[in-house]
Amino acid sequence: MNVKFRIGHRPDSSENLQAFHEHLMSTFSRVSALWDARFTNEVNLVLDGTDAAVDLTPALRDGLRGAVHYGPRYIHHVEDKAMFDDTLILELDTAQVEYRSFVESVFPVLIKEMKAYRGIAVLYKDLERDDHNAIVDLCGRTGRDENGRDGFFRLSTVNYAERELCRRAFSLTPEEIVKRVWGKVELAQVLSDGALIIYTFDLLSRDQFLRVDPELREMLK
């Protein structure tokens, strides 16, 4: 089974892109469960207009693929939407990488070092594709970035939201979210001024996974 992790950071015009990239690469290279110790080359930015991208796959351990896309920083006005995020995407082959260990030890480090405002595990990529039209329709009706800066269209087994996203998505603080789900999920904690919610460390069947979003939303009422 392949599981995708998507982690987003709001770019700041005061951030130096090269320095932020070097910080991430330095941090990632010290995470043994992520980085291939045999890789000794530099991971260089590839500029694309106002954006930049990096293919991480050559530097990652067997069973992992990944990339970082950096959003624009020097534009005077960028809409408050996830399409302008710095986005880290990692795809994990559970036949080669131990999923629970990755979620426990690597995911929180990525959240912290990316200064992320959101993070999520995508267990079924076909659901992500199927949700696309419904997300576009909902955003059109509400005027909100319903699966980005303003909310989660489908909560997963692994979710992270920093304080502002907690407010926008659930009208709750991270502390209130943790309190509401405490004892009902496998892990709930305040992390980097946000809420980390691990519904389960298990890999769920599709039918089981479809029950996660409504159950979490019921807990958060």
N, C-alpha and C. Protein backbone atom coordinates (compact mmCIF):
# COMPACT_ATOMS: atom_id res chain seq x y z
N MET A 1 0.85 -1.19 0.00
CA MET A 1 0.00 0.00 0.00
C MET A 1 0.88 1.24 0.00
N ASN A 2 0.53 2.22 -0.81
CA ASN A 2 1.24 3.50 -0.82
C ASN A 2 0.42 4.56 -0.10
N VAL A 3 1.04 5.25 0.83
CA VAL A 3 0.39 6.32 1.58
C VAL A 3 1.11 7.63 1.28
N LYS A 4 0.34 8.65 0.99
CA LYS A 4 0.91 9.97 0.69
C LYS A 4 0.72 10.90 1.88
N PHE A 5 1.78 11.62 2.24
CA PHE A 5 1.70 12.65 3.27
C PHE A 5 1.86 13.99 2.59
N ARG A 6 0.92 14.90 2.88
CA ARG A 6 0.95 16.24 2.30
C ARG A 6 1.03 17.25 3.44
N ILE A 7 2.07 18.07 3.42
CA ILE A 7 2.32 19.04 4.49
C ILE A 7 2.48 20.42 3.88
N GLY A 8 1.75 21.40 4.43
CA GLY A 8 1.74 22.74 3.86
C GLY A 8 2.27 23.80 4.82
N HIS A 9 2.99 24.76 4.27
CA HIS A 9 3.54 25.89 5.00
C HIS A 9 3.15 27.17 4.29
N ARG A 10 2.69 28.17 5.03
CA ARG A 10 2.38 29.46 4.44
C ARG A 10 3.67 30.24 4.19
N PRO A 11 4.01 30.52 2.94
CA PRO A 11 5.23 31.29 2.69
C PRO A 11 5.11 32.69 3.27
N ASP A 12 6.23 33.20 3.70
CA ASP A 12 6.30 34.54 4.27
C ASP A 12 7.26 35.35 3.41
N SER A 13 6.83 36.54 3.01
CA SER A 13 7.67 37.37 2.14
C SER A 13 8.98 37.74 2.81
N SER A 14 9.04 37.65 4.14
CA SER A 14 10.28 37.99 4.85
C SER A 14 11.26 36.81 4.87
N GLU A 15 10.79 35.62 4.49
CA GLU A 15 11.65 34.45 4.47
C GLU A 15 12.57 34.47 3.26
N ASN A 16 13.80 34.11 3.47
CA ASN A 16 14.71 33.89 2.36
C ASN A 16 14.53 32.46 1.87
N LEU A 17 14.12 32.30 0.63
CA LEU A 17 13.80 30.97 0.11
C LEU A 17 14.98 30.03 0.18
N GLN A 18 16.15 30.50 -0.22
CA GLN A 18 17.32 29.63 -0.21
C GLN A 18 17.66 29.18 1.20
N ALA A 19 17.58 30.11 2.15
CA ALA A 19 17.89 29.77 3.55
C ALA A 19 16.87 28.78 4.10
N PHE A 20 15.59 28.98 3.78
CA PHE A 20 14.56 28.06 4.24
C PHE A 20 14.77 26.67 3.64
N HIS A 21 15.08 26.63 2.36
CA HIS A 21 15.36 25.35 1.70
C HIS A 21 16.55 24.64 2.34
N GLU A 22 17.63 25.38 2.57
CA GLU A 22 18.82 24.77 3.17
C GLU A 22 18.53 24.26 4.57
N HIS A 23 17.71 25.00 5.32
CA HIS A 23 17.31 24.53 6.65
C HIS A 23 16.57 23.20 6.57
N LEU A 24 15.61 23.11 5.63
CA LEU A 24 14.85 21.87 5.49
C LEU A 24 15.75 20.71 5.10
N MET A 25 16.62 20.93 4.12
CA MET A 25 17.48 19.84 3.67
C MET A 25 18.42 19.39 4.77
N SER A 26 18.94 20.34 5.54
CA SER A 26 19.83 19.99 6.65
C SER A 26 19.08 19.17 7.69
N THR A 27 17.85 19.59 7.99
CA THR A 27 17.03 18.85 8.96
C THR A 27 16.67 17.48 8.45
N PHE A 28 16.18 17.40 7.22
CA PHE A 28 15.77 16.12 6.65
C PHE A 28 16.93 15.13 6.60
N SER A 29 18.11 15.63 6.28
CA SER A 29 19.27 14.74 6.13
C SER A 29 19.68 14.10 7.45
N ARG A 30 19.23 14.67 8.57
CA ARG A 30 19.56 14.11 9.88
C ARG A 30 18.50 13.13 10.39
N VAL A 31 17.43 12.96 9.62
CA VAL A 31 16.37 12.02 10.02
C VAL A 31 16.64 10.69 9.33
N SER A 32 17.19 9.75 10.08
CA SER A 32 17.67 8.50 9.47
C SER A 32 16.54 7.69 8.84
N ALA A 33 15.32 7.82 9.36
CA ALA A 33 14.20 7.08 8.80
C ALA A 33 13.70 7.68 7.49
N LEU A 34 14.25 8.83 7.13
CA LEU A 34 13.82 9.55 5.93
C LEU A 34 14.91 9.57 4.86
N TRP A 35 16.13 9.91 5.29
CA TRP A 35 17.20 10.21 4.34
C TRP A 35 18.08 8.99 4.10
N ASP A 36 18.51 8.81 2.87
CA ASP A 36 19.45 7.75 2.52
C ASP A 36 20.86 8.21 2.87
N ALA A 37 21.49 7.51 3.80
CA ALA A 37 22.82 7.90 4.27
C ALA A 37 23.85 7.85 3.15
N ARG A 38 23.56 7.11 2.08
CA ARG A 38 24.50 7.00 0.96
C ARG A 38 24.46 8.23 0.06
N PHE A 39 23.43 9.07 0.25
CA PHE A 39 23.28 10.24 -0.62
C PHE A 39 24.11 11.38 -0.07
N THR A 40 25.06 11.87 -0.87
CA THR A 40 25.97 12.92 -0.40
C THR A 40 25.93 14.16 -1.28
N ASN A 41 25.09 14.18 -2.30
CA ASN A 41 25.02 15.34 -3.18
C ASN A 41 24.16 16.44 -2.57
N GLU A 42 24.26 17.63 -3.15
CA GLU A 42 23.39 18.74 -2.76
C GLU A 42 22.02 18.56 -3.40
N VAL A 43 20.99 18.96 -2.68
CA VAL A 43 19.64 18.97 -3.24
C VAL A 43 19.34 20.42 -3.62
N ASN A 44 19.46 20.72 -4.87
CA ASN A 44 19.39 22.10 -5.32
C ASN A 44 17.99 22.50 -5.76
N LEU A 45 17.69 23.77 -5.59
CA LEU A 45 16.42 24.33 -6.04
C LEU A 45 16.36 24.39 -7.56
N VAL A 46 15.18 24.14 -8.09
CA VAL A 46 14.94 24.33 -9.52
C VAL A 46 13.91 25.44 -9.63
N LEU A 47 14.34 26.61 -10.12
CA LEU A 47 13.45 27.76 -10.21
C LEU A 47 12.50 27.63 -11.38
N ASP A 48 11.25 28.05 -11.15
CA ASP A 48 10.22 28.02 -12.19
C ASP A 48 9.40 29.31 -12.07
N GLY A 49 9.91 30.37 -12.67
CA GLY A 49 9.24 31.66 -12.54
C GLY A 49 9.33 32.16 -11.11
N THR A 50 8.18 32.40 -10.48
CA THR A 50 8.16 32.88 -9.10
C THR A 50 8.22 31.74 -8.10
N ASP A 51 8.12 30.50 -8.58
CA ASP A 51 8.11 29.32 -7.71
C ASP A 51 9.44 28.57 -7.83
N ALA A 52 9.58 27.56 -6.99
CA ALA A 52 10.74 26.67 -7.07
C ALA A 52 10.32 25.29 -6.63
N ALA A 53 11.05 24.28 -7.11
CA ALA A 53 10.69 22.91 -6.78
C ALA A 53 11.94 22.07 -6.59
N VAL A 54 11.79 21.00 -5.82
CA VAL A 54 12.89 20.09 -5.55
C VAL A 54 12.36 18.66 -5.57
N ASP A 55 13.03 17.81 -6.33
CA ASP A 55 12.73 16.38 -6.30
C ASP A 55 13.61 15.75 -5.22
N LEU A 56 12.97 15.22 -4.19
CA LEU A 56 13.71 14.64 -3.07
C LEU A 56 14.00 13.15 -3.25
N THR A 57 13.35 12.51 -4.19
CA THR A 57 13.39 11.05 -4.29
C THR A 57 14.81 10.49 -4.32
N PRO A 58 15.75 11.05 -5.08
CA PRO A 58 17.10 10.47 -5.08
C PRO A 58 17.77 10.46 -3.72
N ALA A 59 17.34 11.35 -2.82
CA ALA A 59 17.98 11.47 -1.51
C ALA A 59 17.28 10.64 -0.43
N LEU A 60 16.12 10.09 -0.74
CA LEU A 60 15.33 9.41 0.27
C LEU A 60 15.64 7.91 0.34
N ARG A 61 15.30 7.34 1.47
CA ARG A 61 15.50 5.91 1.66
C ARG A 61 14.61 5.11 0.72
N ASP A 62 14.98 3.85 0.52
CA ASP A 62 14.17 2.97 -0.30
C ASP A 62 12.75 2.90 0.27
N GLY A 63 11.77 2.95 -0.62
CA GLY A 63 10.37 2.90 -0.19
C GLY A 63 9.76 4.26 -0.01
N LEU A 64 10.53 5.33 -0.24
CA LEU A 64 10.02 6.69 -0.11
C LEU A 64 10.26 7.46 -1.41
N ARG A 65 9.28 8.27 -1.78
CA ARG A 65 9.41 9.21 -2.88
C ARG A 65 8.94 10.56 -2.37
N GLY A 66 9.44 11.64 -2.93
CA GLY A 66 8.98 12.93 -2.43
C GLY A 66 9.47 14.11 -3.22
N ALA A 67 8.85 15.25 -2.92
CA ALA A 67 9.21 16.51 -3.57
C ALA A 67 8.74 17.66 -2.70
N VAL A 68 9.38 18.81 -2.87
CA VAL A 68 8.93 20.04 -2.23
C VAL A 68 8.68 21.07 -3.32
N HIS A 69 7.54 21.71 -3.24
CA HIS A 69 7.24 22.84 -4.12
C HIS A 69 7.15 24.09 -3.25
N TYR A 70 7.93 25.10 -3.59
CA TYR A 70 7.94 26.34 -2.83
C TYR A 70 7.11 27.39 -3.57
N GLY A 71 6.19 28.01 -2.83
CA GLY A 71 5.36 29.05 -3.41
C GLY A 71 6.09 30.38 -3.50
N PRO A 72 5.47 31.37 -4.15
CA PRO A 72 6.10 32.69 -4.32
C PRO A 72 6.22 33.43 -3.00
N ARG A 73 7.28 34.24 -2.89
CA ARG A 73 7.52 35.02 -1.68
C ARG A 73 7.59 36.52 -1.92
N TYR A 74 7.95 36.92 -3.10
CA TYR A 74 8.21 38.34 -3.31
C TYR A 74 7.07 39.05 -4.02
N ILE A 75 5.97 38.38 -4.24
CA ILE A 75 4.81 39.05 -4.80
C ILE A 75 4.14 39.86 -3.68
N HIS A 76 3.79 41.10 -3.96
CA HIS A 76 3.25 41.97 -2.93
C HIS A 76 1.94 41.45 -2.35
N HIS A 77 1.11 40.86 -3.19
CA HIS A 77 -0.15 40.35 -2.68
C HIS A 77 -0.41 38.97 -3.26
N VAL A 78 -0.45 37.97 -2.40
CA VAL A 78 -0.77 36.61 -2.80
C VAL A 78 -2.03 36.20 -2.04
N GLU A 79 -2.97 35.64 -2.75
CA GLU A 79 -4.22 35.24 -2.12
C GLU A 79 -3.98 34.24 -0.99
N ASP A 80 -4.84 34.29 0.00
CA ASP A 80 -4.74 33.42 1.17
C ASP A 80 -5.35 32.06 0.82
N LYS A 81 -4.65 31.35 -0.06
CA LYS A 81 -5.12 30.05 -0.53
C LYS A 81 -3.97 29.05 -0.57
N ALA A 82 -4.31 27.78 -0.40
CA ALA A 82 -3.28 26.74 -0.34
C ALA A 82 -2.52 26.57 -1.64
N MET A 83 -3.07 27.04 -2.74
CA MET A 83 -2.37 26.92 -4.01
C MET A 83 -1.06 27.70 -4.01
N PHE A 84 -0.88 28.61 -3.05
CA PHE A 84 0.34 29.38 -2.94
C PHE A 84 1.26 28.86 -1.82
N ASP A 85 0.94 27.71 -1.26
CA ASP A 85 1.73 27.14 -0.17
C ASP A 85 3.09 26.64 -0.63
N ASP A 86 4.00 26.52 0.34
CA ASP A 86 5.11 25.59 0.22
C ASP A 86 4.53 24.23 0.57
N THR A 87 4.72 23.24 -0.28
CA THR A 87 4.10 21.94 -0.05
C THR A 87 5.13 20.83 -0.14
N LEU A 88 5.19 20.04 0.92
CA LEU A 88 6.01 18.83 0.94
C LEU A 88 5.10 17.63 0.72
N ILE A 89 5.43 16.81 -0.26
CA ILE A 89 4.68 15.59 -0.51
C ILE A 89 5.65 14.41 -0.41
N LEU A 90 5.31 13.47 0.44
CA LEU A 90 6.08 12.24 0.58
C LEU A 90 5.15 11.06 0.35
N GLU A 91 5.62 10.08 -0.40
CA GLU A 91 4.84 8.87 -0.63
C GLU A 91 5.62 7.69 -0.09
N LEU A 92 4.95 6.92 0.73
CA LEU A 92 5.58 5.83 1.48
C LEU A 92 5.02 4.49 1.03
N ASP A 93 5.88 3.57 0.69
CA ASP A 93 5.49 2.20 0.35
C ASP A 93 5.53 1.38 1.64
N THR A 94 4.37 0.99 2.12
CA THR A 94 4.30 0.31 3.42
C THR A 94 4.91 -1.08 3.40
N ALA A 95 5.21 -1.60 2.22
CA ALA A 95 5.91 -2.89 2.13
C ALA A 95 7.39 -2.73 2.43
N GLN A 96 7.89 -1.49 2.34
CA GLN A 96 9.31 -1.24 2.56
C GLN A 96 9.61 -0.35 3.76
N VAL A 97 8.64 0.47 4.16
CA VAL A 97 8.83 1.40 5.27
C VAL A 97 7.75 1.14 6.32
N GLU A 98 8.15 1.05 7.58
CA GLU A 98 7.18 0.76 8.65
C GLU A 98 6.33 2.01 8.91
N TYR A 99 5.06 1.88 8.61
CA TYR A 99 4.16 3.03 8.61
C TYR A 99 4.02 3.65 9.99
N ARG A 100 3.75 2.86 11.00
CA ARG A 100 3.53 3.41 12.34
C ARG A 100 4.75 4.17 12.83
N SER A 101 5.91 3.60 12.62
CA SER A 101 7.14 4.26 13.05
C SER A 101 7.32 5.59 12.33
N PHE A 102 6.99 5.63 11.05
CA PHE A 102 7.12 6.87 10.28
C PHE A 102 6.17 7.94 10.84
N VAL A 103 4.94 7.56 11.12
CA VAL A 103 3.96 8.52 11.64
C VAL A 103 4.39 9.01 13.03
N GLU A 104 4.89 8.11 13.86
CA GLU A 104 5.28 8.47 15.22
C GLU A 104 6.52 9.34 15.27
N SER A 105 7.54 9.00 14.46
CA SER A 105 8.84 9.64 14.64
C SER A 105 9.21 10.66 13.57
N VAL A 106 8.67 10.52 12.35
CA VAL A 106 9.06 11.40 11.26
C VAL A 106 8.04 12.51 11.02
N PHE A 107 6.77 12.16 10.96
CA PHE A 107 5.74 13.15 10.65
C PHE A 107 5.80 14.37 11.58
N PRO A 108 5.91 14.20 12.91
CA PRO A 108 5.98 15.39 13.78
C PRO A 108 7.20 16.26 13.52
N VAL A 109 8.32 15.64 13.16
CA VAL A 109 9.53 16.42 12.84
C VAL A 109 9.30 17.26 11.60
N LEU A 110 8.66 16.68 10.59
CA LEU A 110 8.38 17.41 9.36
C LEU A 110 7.46 18.60 9.63
N ILE A 111 6.46 18.37 10.46
CA ILE A 111 5.53 19.46 10.83
C ILE A 111 6.28 20.60 11.49
N LYS A 112 7.11 20.26 12.45
CA LYS A 112 7.83 21.28 13.22
C LYS A 112 8.82 22.03 12.34
N GLU A 113 9.63 21.31 11.57
CA GLU A 113 10.70 21.96 10.83
C GLU A 113 10.20 22.72 9.61
N MET A 114 9.06 22.32 9.06
CA MET A 114 8.48 23.08 7.95
C MET A 114 7.66 24.26 8.44
N LYS A 115 7.51 24.38 9.77
CA LYS A 115 6.62 25.40 10.34
C LYS A 115 5.25 25.29 9.66
N ALA A 116 4.76 24.05 9.62
CA ALA A 116 3.56 23.74 8.85
C ALA A 116 2.31 24.29 9.52
N TYR A 117 1.33 24.62 8.70
CA TYR A 117 0.02 24.98 9.25
C TYR A 117 -0.98 23.85 9.05
N ARG A 118 -0.64 22.87 8.18
CA ARG A 118 -1.52 21.72 7.99
C ARG A 118 -0.69 20.52 7.54
N GLY A 119 -1.21 19.36 7.84
CA GLY A 119 -0.58 18.12 7.39
C GLY A 119 -1.62 17.02 7.42
N ILE A 120 -1.50 16.08 6.50
CA ILE A 120 -2.51 15.03 6.40
C ILE A 120 -1.92 13.81 5.71
N ALA A 121 -2.42 12.63 6.07
CA ALA A 121 -2.08 11.39 5.38
C ALA A 121 -3.19 11.06 4.41
N VAL A 122 -2.82 10.75 3.17
CA VAL A 122 -3.78 10.36 2.15
C VAL A 122 -3.63 8.86 1.92
N LEU A 123 -4.58 8.09 2.43
CA LEU A 123 -4.49 6.64 2.30
C LEU A 123 -5.01 6.13 0.96
N TYR A 124 -6.01 6.82 0.44
CA TYR A 124 -6.61 6.38 -0.82
C TYR A 124 -6.62 7.55 -1.79
N LYS A 125 -5.65 7.52 -2.71
CA LYS A 125 -5.50 8.64 -3.64
C LYS A 125 -6.68 8.78 -4.59
N ASP A 126 -7.39 7.69 -4.85
CA ASP A 126 -8.56 7.79 -5.73
C ASP A 126 -9.66 8.61 -5.07
N LEU A 127 -9.75 8.56 -3.73
CA LEU A 127 -10.72 9.39 -3.02
C LEU A 127 -10.36 10.87 -3.16
N GLU A 128 -9.08 11.15 -3.10
CA GLU A 128 -8.61 12.53 -3.26
C GLU A 128 -9.02 13.05 -4.65
N ARG A 129 -8.85 12.21 -5.65
CA ARG A 129 -9.26 12.61 -7.00
C ARG A 129 -10.77 12.76 -7.10
N ASP A 130 -11.49 11.81 -6.50
CA ASP A 130 -12.95 11.85 -6.57
C ASP A 130 -13.52 13.07 -5.85
N ASP A 131 -12.82 13.53 -4.80
CA ASP A 131 -13.30 14.68 -4.02
C ASP A 131 -13.12 16.01 -4.76
N HIS A 132 -12.32 16.02 -5.80
CA HIS A 132 -11.91 17.29 -6.41
C HIS A 132 -13.09 18.15 -6.83
N ASN A 133 -14.02 17.59 -7.59
CA ASN A 133 -15.14 18.40 -8.08
C ASN A 133 -16.02 18.91 -6.95
N ALA A 134 -16.21 18.07 -5.92
CA ALA A 134 -17.01 18.50 -4.77
C ALA A 134 -16.32 19.62 -4.02
N ILE A 135 -15.00 19.57 -3.93
CA ILE A 135 -14.25 20.64 -3.26
C ILE A 135 -14.38 21.95 -4.03
N VAL A 136 -14.22 21.87 -5.35
CA VAL A 136 -14.34 23.07 -6.18
C VAL A 136 -15.73 23.67 -6.04
N ASP A 137 -16.75 22.82 -6.05
CA ASP A 137 -18.13 23.30 -5.91
C ASP A 137 -18.35 23.96 -4.55
N LEU A 138 -17.85 23.32 -3.49
CA LEU A 138 -18.03 23.86 -2.15
C LEU A 138 -17.30 25.20 -2.00
N CYS A 139 -16.08 25.29 -2.51
CA CYS A 139 -15.33 26.55 -2.44
C CYS A 139 -16.07 27.65 -3.19
N GLY A 140 -16.67 27.30 -4.33
CA GLY A 140 -17.42 28.28 -5.10
C GLY A 140 -18.63 28.81 -4.35
N ARG A 141 -19.26 27.93 -3.58
CA ARG A 141 -20.46 28.33 -2.84
C ARG A 141 -20.14 29.11 -1.58
N THR A 142 -19.04 28.77 -0.92
CA THR A 142 -18.73 29.41 0.37
C THR A 142 -17.74 30.56 0.24
N GLY A 143 -16.93 30.56 -0.84
CA GLY A 143 -15.89 31.55 -0.98
C GLY A 143 -14.69 31.29 -0.08
N ARG A 144 -14.63 30.09 0.47
CA ARG A 144 -13.54 29.71 1.37
C ARG A 144 -12.64 28.67 0.70
N ASP A 145 -11.42 28.58 1.20
CA ASP A 145 -10.47 27.57 0.72
C ASP A 145 -10.71 26.30 1.55
N GLU A 146 -11.75 25.55 1.17
CA GLU A 146 -12.31 24.51 2.04
C GLU A 146 -11.39 23.31 2.25
N ASN A 147 -10.43 23.12 1.39
CA ASN A 147 -9.48 22.02 1.59
C ASN A 147 -8.05 22.55 1.57
N GLY A 148 -7.88 23.69 2.25
CA GLY A 148 -6.57 24.33 2.27
C GLY A 148 -6.41 25.24 3.46
N ARG A 149 -6.35 26.55 3.22
CA ARG A 149 -6.10 27.50 4.31
C ARG A 149 -7.26 27.60 5.29
N ASP A 150 -8.47 27.18 4.86
CA ASP A 150 -9.66 27.37 5.71
C ASP A 150 -10.25 26.08 6.27
N GLY A 151 -9.77 24.92 5.84
CA GLY A 151 -10.41 23.72 6.36
C GLY A 151 -9.88 22.43 5.77
N PHE A 152 -10.52 21.35 6.17
CA PHE A 152 -10.24 20.00 5.67
C PHE A 152 -11.52 19.47 5.05
N PHE A 153 -11.48 19.14 3.77
CA PHE A 153 -12.67 18.56 3.16
C PHE A 153 -12.92 17.15 3.68
N ARG A 154 -11.83 16.38 3.84
CA ARG A 154 -11.96 15.02 4.36
C ARG A 154 -10.84 14.79 5.37
N LEU A 155 -11.21 14.67 6.63
CA LEU A 155 -10.24 14.35 7.67
C LEU A 155 -9.76 12.91 7.49
N SER A 156 -8.53 12.67 7.92
CA SER A 156 -7.90 11.38 7.69
C SER A 156 -7.50 10.75 9.02
N THR A 157 -6.74 9.68 8.93
CA THR A 157 -6.26 9.03 10.15
C THR A 157 -5.13 9.81 10.80
N VAL A 158 -4.42 10.63 10.01
CA VAL A 158 -3.34 11.47 10.52
C VAL A 158 -3.60 12.90 10.07
N ASN A 159 -3.78 13.80 11.04
CA ASN A 159 -4.14 15.19 10.72
C ASN A 159 -3.38 16.15 11.62
N TYR A 160 -2.95 17.27 11.03
CA TYR A 160 -2.35 18.34 11.83
C TYR A 160 -2.92 19.67 11.37
N ALA A 161 -3.25 20.54 12.33
CA ALA A 161 -3.71 21.90 12.02
C ALA A 161 -3.13 22.85 13.05
N GLU A 162 -2.46 23.93 12.57
CA GLU A 162 -1.96 24.91 13.53
C GLU A 162 -3.11 25.79 14.01
N ARG A 163 -2.83 26.68 14.93
CA ARG A 163 -3.87 27.39 15.67
C ARG A 163 -4.86 28.13 14.76
N GLU A 164 -4.35 28.83 13.76
CA GLU A 164 -5.25 29.60 12.89
C GLU A 164 -6.14 28.67 12.07
N LEU A 165 -5.60 27.57 11.59
CA LEU A 165 -6.42 26.63 10.83
C LEU A 165 -7.44 25.95 11.74
N CYS A 166 -7.07 25.68 12.98
CA CYS A 166 -8.04 25.14 13.94
C CYS A 166 -9.22 26.09 14.09
N ARG A 167 -8.93 27.38 14.17
CA ARG A 167 -9.98 28.37 14.31
C ARG A 167 -10.86 28.43 13.07
N ARG A 168 -10.21 28.48 11.91
CA ARG A 168 -10.97 28.60 10.67
C ARG A 168 -11.79 27.34 10.36
N ALA A 169 -11.20 26.19 10.59
CA ALA A 169 -11.85 24.94 10.21
C ALA A 169 -12.89 24.46 11.21
N PHE A 170 -12.62 24.67 12.51
CA PHE A 170 -13.46 24.06 13.54
C PHE A 170 -13.97 25.05 14.58
N SER A 171 -13.55 26.30 14.49
CA SER A 171 -13.89 27.31 15.51
C SER A 171 -13.48 26.85 16.90
N LEU A 172 -12.32 26.21 16.97
CA LEU A 172 -11.78 25.70 18.22
C LEU A 172 -10.29 26.04 18.30
N THR A 173 -9.76 26.04 19.52
CA THR A 173 -8.32 26.15 19.71
C THR A 173 -7.71 24.75 19.64
N PRO A 174 -6.39 24.64 19.43
CA PRO A 174 -5.76 23.31 19.48
C PRO A 174 -6.04 22.59 20.79
N GLU A 175 -6.01 23.34 21.89
CA GLU A 175 -6.26 22.72 23.20
C GLU A 175 -7.68 22.16 23.29
N GLU A 176 -8.65 22.89 22.75
CA GLU A 176 -10.04 22.42 22.76
C GLU A 176 -10.21 21.19 21.89
N ILE A 177 -9.54 21.17 20.75
CA ILE A 177 -9.62 20.00 19.87
C ILE A 177 -9.05 18.77 20.56
N VAL A 178 -7.89 18.91 21.15
CA VAL A 178 -7.27 17.77 21.84
C VAL A 178 -8.18 17.27 22.96
N LYS A 179 -8.77 18.19 23.70
CA LYS A 179 -9.67 17.80 24.79
C LYS A 179 -10.89 17.04 24.28
N ARG A 180 -11.44 17.45 23.15
CA ARG A 180 -12.67 16.83 22.65
C ARG A 180 -12.44 15.41 22.12
N VAL A 181 -11.25 15.16 21.56
CA VAL A 181 -11.01 13.83 20.99
C VAL A 181 -10.23 12.93 21.94
N TRP A 182 -9.79 13.47 23.07
CA TRP A 182 -8.96 12.72 24.01
C TRP A 182 -9.65 11.42 24.45
N GLY A 183 -8.93 10.32 24.36
CA GLY A 183 -9.47 9.03 24.76
C GLY A 183 -10.31 8.35 23.70
N LYS A 184 -10.57 9.06 22.60
CA LYS A 184 -11.38 8.50 21.51
C LYS A 184 -10.54 8.18 20.28
N VAL A 185 -9.30 8.69 20.26
CA VAL A 185 -8.37 8.44 19.17
C VAL A 185 -7.07 7.92 19.78
N GLU A 186 -6.17 7.42 18.93
CA GLU A 186 -4.95 6.82 19.47
C GLU A 186 -3.96 7.85 20.00
N LEU A 187 -3.94 9.05 19.39
CA LEU A 187 -3.04 10.09 19.87
C LEU A 187 -3.65 11.45 19.59
N ALA A 188 -3.60 12.31 20.60
CA ALA A 188 -4.05 13.69 20.45
C ALA A 188 -3.12 14.55 21.30
N GLN A 189 -2.48 15.53 20.67
CA GLN A 189 -1.56 16.38 21.42
C GLN A 189 -1.41 17.73 20.73
N VAL A 190 -1.04 18.73 21.55
CA VAL A 190 -0.69 20.04 21.01
C VAL A 190 0.76 19.96 20.55
N LEU A 191 0.97 20.32 19.29
CA LEU A 191 2.31 20.26 18.68
C LEU A 191 2.55 21.55 17.91
N SER A 192 3.63 22.24 18.23
CA SER A 192 4.01 23.47 17.51
C SER A 192 2.84 24.43 17.36
N ASP A 193 2.14 24.66 18.47
CA ASP A 193 1.00 25.57 18.52
C ASP A 193 -0.13 25.13 17.59
N GLY A 194 -0.30 23.82 17.48
CA GLY A 194 -1.38 23.27 16.68
C GLY A 194 -1.83 21.95 17.28
N ALA A 195 -2.80 21.31 16.64
CA ALA A 195 -3.34 20.04 17.12
C ALA A 195 -2.92 18.92 16.18
N LEU A 196 -2.30 17.90 16.76
CA LEU A 196 -1.96 16.68 16.03
C LEU A 196 -2.94 15.60 16.47
N ILE A 197 -3.70 15.08 15.52
CA ILE A 197 -4.71 14.07 15.82
C ILE A 197 -4.42 12.82 14.99
N ILE A 198 -4.10 11.74 15.68
CA ILE A 198 -3.89 10.45 15.05
C ILE A 198 -5.08 9.56 15.42
N TYR A 199 -5.99 9.44 14.49
CA TYR A 199 -7.19 8.63 14.74
C TYR A 199 -6.77 7.19 15.03
N THR A 200 -5.87 6.65 14.23
CA THR A 200 -5.31 5.33 14.46
C THR A 200 -3.98 5.24 13.75
N PHE A 201 -3.10 4.40 14.28
CA PHE A 201 -1.83 4.12 13.62
C PHE A 201 -1.97 2.96 12.64
N ASP A 202 -3.13 2.35 12.57
CA ASP A 202 -3.35 1.22 11.68
C ASP A 202 -3.65 1.70 10.26
N LEU A 203 -3.37 0.85 9.31
CA LEU A 203 -3.76 1.09 7.92
C LEU A 203 -5.15 0.51 7.72
N LEU A 204 -6.10 1.37 7.44
CA LEU A 204 -7.50 0.96 7.39
C LEU A 204 -7.91 0.52 6.00
N SER A 205 -8.91 -0.36 5.96
CA SER A 205 -9.53 -0.68 4.68
C SER A 205 -10.27 0.56 4.18
N ARG A 206 -10.64 0.55 2.92
CA ARG A 206 -11.34 1.70 2.35
C ARG A 206 -12.65 1.97 3.12
N ASP A 207 -13.42 0.93 3.41
CA ASP A 207 -14.69 1.11 4.13
C ASP A 207 -14.45 1.68 5.52
N GLN A 208 -13.43 1.19 6.21
CA GLN A 208 -13.10 1.72 7.53
C GLN A 208 -12.67 3.18 7.43
N PHE A 209 -11.85 3.49 6.41
CA PHE A 209 -11.35 4.85 6.25
C PHE A 209 -12.48 5.84 6.00
N LEU A 210 -13.49 5.44 5.27
CA LEU A 210 -14.60 6.34 4.97
C LEU A 210 -15.38 6.75 6.21
N ARG A 211 -15.23 6.01 7.29
CA ARG A 211 -15.92 6.35 8.54
C ARG A 211 -15.14 7.33 9.40
N VAL A 212 -13.87 7.55 9.06
CA VAL A 212 -13.00 8.38 9.90
C VAL A 212 -13.48 9.83 9.93
N ASP A 213 -13.72 10.42 8.77
CA ASP A 213 -14.10 11.84 8.71
C ASP A 213 -15.37 12.12 9.50
N PRO A 214 -16.48 11.40 9.27
CA PRO A 214 -17.69 11.72 10.05
C PRO A 214 -17.52 11.47 11.54
N GLU A 215 -16.74 10.46 11.92
CA GLU A 215 -16.55 10.19 13.34
C GLU A 215 -15.74 11.31 14.00
N LEU A 216 -14.70 11.77 13.36
CA LEU A 216 -13.92 12.87 13.94
C LEU A 216 -14.73 14.15 14.02
N ARG A 217 -15.50 14.43 13.01
CA ARG A 217 -16.31 15.65 13.03
C ARG A 217 -17.36 15.59 14.14
N GLU A 218 -17.88 14.42 14.40
CA GLU A 218 -18.84 14.27 15.50
C GLU A 218 -18.15 14.55 16.84
N MET A 219 -16.92 14.08 16.99
CA MET A 219 -16.17 14.34 18.22
C MET A 219 -15.91 15.84 18.41
N LEU A 220 -15.75 16.56 17.30
CA LEU A 220 -15.35 17.97 17.36
C LEU A 220 -16.52 18.92 17.49
N LYS A 221 -17.73 18.40 17.52
CA LYS A 221 -18.91 19.27 17.67
C LYS A 221 -18.94 19.89 19.07
